[in-house]
Amino acid sequence: EIATREFIEIDAELRSLIDVDLPALETRMEADGVPWTPGRPLPEVR
């Protein structure tokens, strides 16, 4: 019960980080020319 209550409190924050902040960071990294790192999609060959 305690763990469920605690998780519910942070669930919205986690979802925002995953669904909003992380994609924005990845987009900015791509725009800034940051080298590819594991876990990111493979870059397109242009």
PDB file of N, CA and C in Angstrom:
ATOM      1  N   GLU A   1       0.832  -1.193   0.000  1.00  0.00           N
ATOM      2  CA  GLU A   1       0.000   0.000   0.000  1.00  0.00           C
ATOM      3  C   GLU A   1       0.877   1.258   0.000  1.00  0.00           C
ATOM      4  N   ILE A   2       1.889   1.274   0.826  1.00  0.00           N
ATOM      5  CA  ILE A   2       2.776   2.440   0.890  1.00  0.00           C
ATOM      6  C   ILE A   2       3.503   2.619  -0.443  1.00  0.00           C
ATOM      7  N   ALA A   3       4.019   1.524  -0.984  1.00  0.00           N
ATOM      8  CA  ALA A   3       4.745   1.609  -2.256  1.00  0.00           C
ATOM      9  C   ALA A   3       3.824   2.082  -3.380  1.00  0.00           C
ATOM     10  N   THR A   4       2.600   1.594  -3.396  1.00  0.00           N
ATOM     11  CA  THR A   4       1.646   2.015  -4.423  1.00  0.00           C
ATOM     12  C   THR A   4       1.377   3.502  -4.326  1.00  0.00           C
ATOM     13  N   ARG A   5       1.164   3.982  -3.134  1.00  0.00           N
ATOM     14  CA  ARG A   5       0.890   5.407  -2.928  1.00  0.00           C
ATOM     15  C   ARG A   5       2.091   6.252  -3.361  1.00  0.00           C
ATOM     16  N   GLU A   6       3.268   5.826  -2.990  1.00  0.00           N
ATOM     17  CA  GLU A   6       4.478   6.562  -3.361  1.00  0.00           C
ATOM     18  C   GLU A   6       4.677   6.553  -4.876  1.00  0.00           C
ATOM     19  N   PHE A   7       4.420   5.409  -5.499  1.00  0.00           N
ATOM     20  CA  PHE A   7       4.605   5.320  -6.943  1.00  0.00           C
ATOM     21  C   PHE A   7       3.624   6.225  -7.677  1.00  0.00           C
ATOM     22  N   ILE A   8       2.395   6.259  -7.249  1.00  0.00           N
ATOM     23  CA  ILE A   8       1.390   7.111  -7.878  1.00  0.00           C
ATOM     24  C   ILE A   8       1.840   8.569  -7.846  1.00  0.00           C
ATOM     25  N   GLU A   9       2.479   8.969  -6.764  1.00  0.00           N
ATOM     26  CA  GLU A   9       2.936  10.351  -6.628  1.00  0.00           C
ATOM     27  C   GLU A   9       4.019  10.709  -7.643  1.00  0.00           C
ATOM     28  N   ILE A  10       4.872   9.750  -7.977  1.00  0.00           N
ATOM     29  CA  ILE A  10       5.957  10.063  -8.911  1.00  0.00           C
ATOM     30  C   ILE A  10       5.657   9.626 -10.344  1.00  0.00           C
ATOM     31  N   ASP A  11       4.567   8.900 -10.548  1.00  0.00           N
ATOM     32  CA  ASP A  11       4.237   8.382 -11.872  1.00  0.00           C
ATOM     33  C   ASP A  11       4.120   9.498 -12.911  1.00  0.00           C
ATOM     34  N   ALA A  12       3.430  10.566 -12.603  1.00  0.00           N
ATOM     35  CA  ALA A  12       3.260  11.663 -13.565  1.00  0.00           C
ATOM     36  C   ALA A  12       4.605  12.295 -13.913  1.00  0.00           C
ATOM     37  N   GLU A  13       5.463  12.447 -12.921  1.00  0.00           N
ATOM     38  CA  GLU A  13       6.792  13.012 -13.178  1.00  0.00           C
ATOM     39  C   GLU A  13       7.605  12.108 -14.097  1.00  0.00           C
ATOM     40  N   LEU A  14       7.574  10.810 -13.820  1.00  0.00           N
ATOM     41  CA  LEU A  14       8.312   9.860 -14.649  1.00  0.00           C
ATOM     42  C   LEU A  14       7.801   9.876 -16.085  1.00  0.00           C
ATOM     43  N   ARG A  15       6.494   9.877 -16.243  1.00  0.00           N
ATOM     44  CA  ARG A  15       5.913   9.882 -17.591  1.00  0.00           C
ATOM     45  C   ARG A  15       6.285  11.159 -18.340  1.00  0.00           C
ATOM     46  N   SER A  16       6.303  12.280 -17.650  1.00  0.00           N
ATOM     47  CA  SER A  16       6.688  13.538 -18.282  1.00  0.00           C
ATOM     48  C   SER A  16       8.156  13.496 -18.717  1.00  0.00           C
ATOM     49  N   LEU A  17       9.002  12.959 -17.866  1.00  0.00           N
ATOM     50  CA  LEU A  17      10.418  12.843 -18.221  1.00  0.00           C
ATOM     51  C   LEU A  17      10.606  11.965 -19.447  1.00  0.00           C
ATOM     52  N   ILE A  18       9.904  10.837 -19.483  1.00  0.00           N
ATOM     53  CA  ILE A  18      10.060   9.880 -20.574  1.00  0.00           C
ATOM     54  C   ILE A  18       9.396  10.372 -21.856  1.00  0.00           C
ATOM     55  N   ASP A  19       8.198  10.927 -21.740  1.00  0.00           N
ATOM     56  CA  ASP A  19       7.410  11.287 -22.922  1.00  0.00           C
ATOM     57  C   ASP A  19       7.679  12.689 -23.455  1.00  0.00           C
ATOM     58  N   VAL A  20       8.173  13.596 -22.615  1.00  0.00           N
ATOM     59  CA  VAL A  20       8.360  14.989 -23.036  1.00  0.00           C
ATOM     60  C   VAL A  20       9.831  15.394 -22.992  1.00  0.00           C
ATOM     61  N   ASP A  21      10.432  15.290 -21.834  1.00  0.00           N
ATOM     62  CA  ASP A  21      11.797  15.795 -21.655  1.00  0.00           C
ATOM     63  C   ASP A  21      12.839  14.999 -22.441  1.00  0.00           C
ATOM     64  N   LEU A  22      12.751  13.684 -22.411  1.00  0.00           N
ATOM     65  CA  LEU A  22      13.743  12.866 -23.111  1.00  0.00           C
ATOM     66  C   LEU A  22      13.694  13.075 -24.624  1.00  0.00           C
ATOM     67  N   PRO A  23      12.514  13.041 -25.258  1.00  0.00           N
ATOM     68  CA  PRO A  23      12.493  13.322 -26.698  1.00  0.00           C
ATOM     69  C   PRO A  23      13.024  14.721 -27.043  1.00  0.00           C
ATOM     70  N   ALA A  24      12.722  15.707 -26.217  1.00  0.00           N
ATOM     71  CA  ALA A  24      13.230  17.059 -26.461  1.00  0.00           C
ATOM     72  C   ALA A  24      14.757  17.084 -26.366  1.00  0.00           C
ATOM     73  N   LEU A  25      15.302  16.385 -25.396  1.00  0.00           N
ATOM     74  CA  LEU A  25      16.755  16.303 -25.251  1.00  0.00           C
ATOM     75  C   LEU A  25      17.376  15.612 -26.457  1.00  0.00           C
ATOM     76  N   GLU A  26      16.770  14.502 -26.884  1.00  0.00           N
ATOM     77  CA  GLU A  26      17.303  13.783 -28.040  1.00  0.00           C
ATOM     78  C   GLU A  26      17.273  14.656 -29.295  1.00  0.00           C
ATOM     79  N   THR A  27      16.206  15.412 -29.479  1.00  0.00           N
ATOM     80  CA  THR A  27      16.098  16.312 -30.629  1.00  0.00           C
ATOM     81  C   THR A  27      17.186  17.374 -30.582  1.00  0.00           C
ATOM     82  N   ARG A  28      17.400  17.926 -29.412  1.00  0.00           N
ATOM     83  CA  ARG A  28      18.432  18.959 -29.277  1.00  0.00           C
ATOM     84  C   ARG A  28      19.830  18.381 -29.508  1.00  0.00           C
ATOM     85  N   MET A  29      20.070  17.176 -28.980  1.00  0.00           N
ATOM     86  CA  MET A  29      21.366  16.535 -29.194  1.00  0.00           C
ATOM     87  C   MET A  29      21.618  16.322 -30.684  1.00  0.00           C
ATOM     88  N   GLU A  30      20.589  15.864 -31.387  1.00  0.00           N
ATOM     89  CA  GLU A  30      20.720  15.645 -32.830  1.00  0.00           C
ATOM     90  C   GLU A  30      21.019  16.963 -33.541  1.00  0.00           C
ATOM     91  N   ALA A  31      20.298  18.017 -33.187  1.00  0.00           N
ATOM     92  CA  ALA A  31      20.494  19.330 -33.813  1.00  0.00           C
ATOM     93  C   ALA A  31      21.879  19.893 -33.526  1.00  0.00           C
ATOM     94  N   ASP A  32      22.411  19.593 -32.342  1.00  0.00           N
ATOM     95  CA  ASP A  32      23.728  20.105 -31.959  1.00  0.00           C
ATOM     96  C   ASP A  32      24.872  19.242 -32.483  1.00  0.00           C
ATOM     97  N   GLY A  33      24.529  18.135 -33.158  1.00  0.00           N
ATOM     98  CA  GLY A  33      25.561  17.291 -33.750  1.00  0.00           C
ATOM     99  C   GLY A  33      26.296  16.407 -32.769  1.00  0.00           C
ATOM    100  N   VAL A  34      25.653  16.087 -31.666  1.00  0.00           N
ATOM    101  CA  VAL A  34      26.279  15.210 -30.678  1.00  0.00           C
ATOM    102  C   VAL A  34      26.473  13.833 -31.308  1.00  0.00           C
ATOM    103  N   PRO A  35      27.650  13.225 -31.151  1.00  0.00           N
ATOM    104  CA  PRO A  35      27.872  11.903 -31.726  1.00  0.00           C
ATOM    105  C   PRO A  35      26.854  10.887 -31.205  1.00  0.00           C
ATOM    106  N   TRP A  36      26.588   9.885 -32.034  1.00  0.00           N
ATOM    107  CA  TRP A  36      25.660   8.826 -31.669  1.00  0.00           C
ATOM    108  C   TRP A  36      26.137   8.128 -30.401  1.00  0.00           C
ATOM    109  N   THR A  37      25.208   7.766 -29.553  1.00  0.00           N
ATOM    110  CA  THR A  37      25.505   7.018 -28.339  1.00  0.00           C
ATOM    111  C   THR A  37      24.565   5.827 -28.260  1.00  0.00           C
ATOM    112  N   PRO A  38      24.987   4.737 -27.611  1.00  0.00           N
ATOM    113  CA  PRO A  38      24.124   3.566 -27.491  1.00  0.00           C
ATOM    114  C   PRO A  38      22.771   3.927 -26.880  1.00  0.00           C
ATOM    115  N   GLY A  39      21.736   3.283 -27.387  1.00  0.00           N
ATOM    116  CA  GLY A  39      20.396   3.529 -26.887  1.00  0.00           C
ATOM    117  C   GLY A  39      19.613   4.499 -27.750  1.00  0.00           C
ATOM    118  N   ARG A  40      20.320   5.248 -28.574  1.00  0.00           N
ATOM    119  CA  ARG A  40      19.649   6.176 -29.488  1.00  0.00           C
ATOM    120  C   ARG A  40      19.467   5.484 -30.831  1.00  0.00           C
ATOM    121  N   PRO A  41      18.452   5.911 -31.604  1.00  0.00           N
ATOM    122  CA  PRO A  41      18.279   5.312 -32.937  1.00  0.00           C
ATOM    123  C   PRO A  41      19.517   5.556 -33.796  1.00  0.00           C
ATOM    124  N   LEU A  42      19.782   4.627 -34.694  1.00  0.00           N
ATOM    125  CA  LEU A  42      20.916   4.808 -35.592  1.00  0.00           C
ATOM    126  C   LEU A  42      20.665   6.015 -36.484  1.00  0.00           C
ATOM    127  N   PRO A  43      21.704   6.800 -36.726  1.00  0.00           N
ATOM    128  CA  PRO A  43      21.525   7.982 -37.580  1.00  0.00           C
ATOM    129  C   PRO A  43      21.248   7.570 -39.023  1.00  0.00           C
ATOM    130  N   GLU A  44      20.497   8.414 -39.720  1.00  0.00           N
ATOM    131  CA  GLU A  44      20.232   8.172 -41.135  1.00  0.00           C
ATOM    132  C   GLU A  44      21.455   8.568 -41.945  1.00  0.00           C
ATOM    133  N   VAL A  45      21.743   7.793 -42.966  1.00  0.00           N
ATOM    134  CA  VAL A  45      22.851   8.108 -43.861  1.00  0.00           C
ATOM    135  C   VAL A  45      22.332   9.099 -44.886  1.00  0.00           C
ATOM    136  N   ARG A  46      23.021  10.214 -44.992  1.00  0.00           N
ATOM    137  CA  ARG A  46      22.572  11.272 -45.911  1.00  0.00           C
ATOM    138  C   ARG A  46      23.452  11.346 -47.109  1.00  0.00           C
TER     139      ARG A  46
END
